[in-house]
Amino acid sequence: MTYHSLAELPDSVKDNLPKHAQEIYKEAYNNAWDQYADPKKRRGDASREEVSHKVAWSAVEQKYEKKDGRWQAKRG
């Protein structure tokens, strides 16, 4: 299940991340969904969806950090 728009993202993403971070999340999730279609490419018994969410959050954390309870773009 891939996301076609930001409106389809989980509430935990939509309600917490700035728009640009949501775009990063969506693209990373969709790419991971395709990349990890084969269970042999996943670690342990993680589902395709679980792996895709982990990859997406990791991609967001490359550019954003949580400060004072809010997600902000990293500086520098």
C-alpha atoms as a PDB file:
ATOM      1  CA  MET A   1       0.000   0.000   0.000  1.00  0.00           C
ATOM      2  CA  THR A   2       1.673   3.184  -1.150  1.00  0.00           C
ATOM      3  CA  TYR A   3       0.635   6.750  -0.413  1.00  0.00           C
ATOM      4  CA  HIS A   4      -0.505   8.858  -3.352  1.00  0.00           C
ATOM      5  CA  SER A   5      -0.997  12.103  -1.436  1.00  0.00           C
ATOM      6  CA  LEU A   6      -0.064  13.682   1.876  1.00  0.00           C
ATOM      7  CA  ALA A   7      -3.698  13.433   2.958  1.00  0.00           C
ATOM      8  CA  GLU A   8      -3.373   9.623   2.976  1.00  0.00           C
ATOM      9  CA  LEU A   9      -0.474   9.588   5.452  1.00  0.00           C
ATOM     10  CA  PRO A  10      -1.084   8.277   8.969  1.00  0.00           C
ATOM     11  CA  ASP A  11      -2.349  10.837  11.480  1.00  0.00           C
ATOM     12  CA  SER A  12       0.859  10.443  13.477  1.00  0.00           C
ATOM     13  CA  VAL A  13       2.713  11.848  10.471  1.00  0.00           C
ATOM     14  CA  LYS A  14       0.194  14.451   9.310  1.00  0.00           C
ATOM     15  CA  ASP A  15      -0.406  15.831  12.795  1.00  0.00           C
ATOM     16  CA  ASN A  16       3.256  16.173  13.741  1.00  0.00           C
ATOM     17  CA  LEU A  17       5.472  16.801  10.732  1.00  0.00           C
ATOM     18  CA  PRO A  18       5.828  19.983   8.664  1.00  0.00           C
ATOM     19  CA  LYS A  19       4.726  19.673   5.032  1.00  0.00           C
ATOM     20  CA  HIS A  20       8.241  19.196   3.631  1.00  0.00           C
ATOM     21  CA  ALA A  21       8.926  16.425   6.160  1.00  0.00           C
ATOM     22  CA  GLN A  22       5.641  14.769   5.171  1.00  0.00           C
ATOM     23  CA  GLU A  23       6.783  14.825   1.540  1.00  0.00           C
ATOM     24  CA  ILE A  24      10.079  13.184   2.546  1.00  0.00           C
ATOM     25  CA  TYR A  25       8.172  10.569   4.538  1.00  0.00           C
ATOM     26  CA  LYS A  26       5.815   9.756   1.663  1.00  0.00           C
ATOM     27  CA  GLU A  27       8.577   9.379  -0.909  1.00  0.00           C
ATOM     28  CA  ALA A  28      10.791   7.296   1.379  1.00  0.00           C
ATOM     29  CA  TYR A  29       7.877   5.058   2.398  1.00  0.00           C
ATOM     30  CA  ASN A  30       6.849   4.458  -1.212  1.00  0.00           C
ATOM     31  CA  ASN A  31      10.424   3.692  -2.278  1.00  0.00           C
ATOM     32  CA  ALA A  32      10.905   1.288   0.622  1.00  0.00           C
ATOM     33  CA  TRP A  33       7.568  -0.386  -0.167  1.00  0.00           C
ATOM     34  CA  ASP A  34       8.912  -1.208  -3.616  1.00  0.00           C
ATOM     35  CA  GLN A  35      12.433  -2.075  -2.457  1.00  0.00           C
ATOM     36  CA  TYR A  36      11.357  -4.479   0.303  1.00  0.00           C
ATOM     37  CA  ALA A  37       8.620  -6.338  -1.563  1.00  0.00           C
ATOM     38  CA  ASP A  38      10.700  -9.513  -1.286  1.00  0.00           C
ATOM     39  CA  PRO A  39      10.632 -10.796   2.330  1.00  0.00           C
ATOM     40  CA  LYS A  40      14.226 -12.005   1.905  1.00  0.00           C
ATOM     41  CA  LYS A  41      15.351  -8.373   1.783  1.00  0.00           C
ATOM     42  CA  ARG A  42      13.839  -7.641   5.215  1.00  0.00           C
ATOM     43  CA  ARG A  43      15.440  -8.334   8.575  1.00  0.00           C
ATOM     44  CA  GLY A  44      13.741 -10.784  10.867  1.00  0.00           C
ATOM     45  CA  ASP A  45      10.016 -11.175  10.498  1.00  0.00           C
ATOM     46  CA  ALA A  46       9.189  -7.491   9.960  1.00  0.00           C
ATOM     47  CA  SER A  47       6.303  -6.853   7.604  1.00  0.00           C
ATOM     48  CA  ARG A  48       6.706  -4.859   4.429  1.00  0.00           C
ATOM     49  CA  GLU A  49       4.642  -2.053   5.949  1.00  0.00           C
ATOM     50  CA  GLU A  50       6.659  -2.006   9.185  1.00  0.00           C
ATOM     51  CA  VAL A  51       9.958  -1.783   7.298  1.00  0.00           C
ATOM     52  CA  SER A  52       8.608   0.963   5.048  1.00  0.00           C
ATOM     53  CA  HIS A  53       7.524   3.067   8.030  1.00  0.00           C
ATOM     54  CA  LYS A  54      10.931   2.628   9.677  1.00  0.00           C
ATOM     55  CA  VAL A  55      12.718   3.697   6.502  1.00  0.00           C
ATOM     56  CA  ALA A  56      10.419   6.712   6.134  1.00  0.00           C
ATOM     57  CA  TRP A  57      11.007   7.903   9.703  1.00  0.00           C
ATOM     58  CA  SER A  58      14.741   7.455   9.231  1.00  0.00           C
ATOM     59  CA  ALA A  59      14.623   9.605   6.084  1.00  0.00           C
ATOM     60  CA  VAL A  60      12.746  12.344   7.951  1.00  0.00           C
ATOM     61  CA  GLU A  61      15.296  12.239  10.767  1.00  0.00           C
ATOM     62  CA  GLN A  62      18.073  12.957   8.259  1.00  0.00           C
ATOM     63  CA  LYS A  63      16.668  16.464   7.711  1.00  0.00           C
ATOM     64  CA  TYR A  64      14.468  17.094  10.772  1.00  0.00           C
ATOM     65  CA  GLU A  65      14.808  16.792  14.518  1.00  0.00           C
ATOM     66  CA  LYS A  66      12.341  16.963  17.355  1.00  0.00           C
ATOM     67  CA  LYS A  67      12.950  19.933  19.657  1.00  0.00           C
ATOM     68  CA  ASP A  68      10.669  20.982  22.468  1.00  0.00           C
ATOM     69  CA  GLY A  69       8.066  18.505  21.243  1.00  0.00           C
ATOM     70  CA  ARG A  70       8.007  19.858  17.667  1.00  0.00           C
ATOM     71  CA  TRP A  71       9.692  18.691  14.487  1.00  0.00           C
ATOM     72  CA  GLN A  72      12.065  21.304  13.037  1.00  0.00           C
ATOM     73  CA  ALA A  73      14.468  21.358  10.112  1.00  0.00           C
ATOM     74  CA  LYS A  74      18.041  20.662  11.166  1.00  0.00           C
ATOM     75  CA  ARG A  75      20.415  23.566  10.822  1.00  0.00           C
ATOM     76  CA  GLY A  76      23.743  23.339   9.082  1.00  0.00           C
END
